[in-house]
Amino acid sequence: MKQHDQHTELIAKHLANETTEREKEELFAWMNEDGANKKFVDEMAQVWEMSATAGAQPFEPDFEKAWAKIDDATAASSQSAKVVPLSKIMRRWSVAAALLLAIAAGLWWWLRPEPTRIVEVRTFYHQKKEVTLPDGSHIWLNDHSTLTYDARFAERNVALDGEAFFQVEHMKTHPFRISSGEVTTSVLGTSFNVRAYAGEKQVEVTVETGKVGLAPADKKKSSIVLPAGSSGIFDKKTHEVRLTQQKIPNAVAWKNRVLFFDDTLMKDIIETLERYFEVDISVSNDLIYNCHYTVSFEQPSLEEVFKILSGTFNLEITRKDGGYLLSGEGCR
């Protein structure tokens, strides 16, 4: 009996077609050890099949009825003056044991925790995706990004490696959380952008509407709340979070396909272009970084941007080492 008890859960998983290859090998090895073991599994299978064909109603074992049958059988045996062969008694108890173990297996099957199913959404080079979550929230994934979450989505938790724009449905009692390595972004309902590529030195959060909390995993470090129109940065080296003096410019340009520069230093323009077009841009003269420019582009191409910059500041642009080199006198 004890030996059977140890294998009840394994047998139930086998009957439900949920065993792994290793568990199958363990069960078959146990069955081959003794013919009684195989017979016990066969009896369990018969009870299982009968319960499966009984209808689609939830499994509700009648314990009182089961025990009554066993008690009746035991009472009848004790009242009889006849000598009952030991083999018949053992068989009766074997059937009773099989019935009880089948009930236990049925309960395990009905009450077992539902296995977690993780949903993973990936984007690759120059690929973007829009995702609608079970709670109605919308996510736009930038390229080279991975979003994962529990399919049941009971806790409204997601993990992000890469960049995404979130438009979160408001649920007052259920915060929405984004884990990005060692920092967590928490909201109730708002729209914001998270840039959290594994290979970069920081995580950037830019808020469009509502408020967003930014908290390091290290509880000793302070967390911050970002209002609409602001940005926050998490430094992966120091594990510190800070509120920037102004919103990171063009943080969502990848999504709306618009670049806007307002009296912006060429140094910052180049940095934005490198991020937007995923290219390397260098200068032959540091004075080029001193130039300022105001301009906007809608769905721009790199060639279009270079043409305007070169014409405005008399720059020569050439290909070099897989990137681009800007040459010229620059600005003083």
Foldseek 3Di string as FASTA:
>chain_A
DVVCVVCLQLLLCVLVVNDDPVSVVVLVVVCVVDVVSVVLSVLLNVVVVVVVPPDDDQDDDDVVVLVVVVVVVVVVVVPDPDDDDPVVVVVSVSNSVSVVSSSVSSVCVRPPDDDWDKDKDAAAPPDKDWDQAPVRKIKIFFHGKMKMDTNVCPQQEIEIAAKMKIFADADPVHWHWYHQPFKIKIDRGAIWMWGRHPPDQKIKIAGAADKIKMAGNPPVEDIDIGHHQWMKMQGPVVRYIDTDPGGDACRVCLPQVKHWFDQDFVVSVQVVCCVNVVFDEEEPDCLQRRHTDGDMDHNDDPVVVVVVVCVVQVWDWDDDPRHIYTYDDHHD
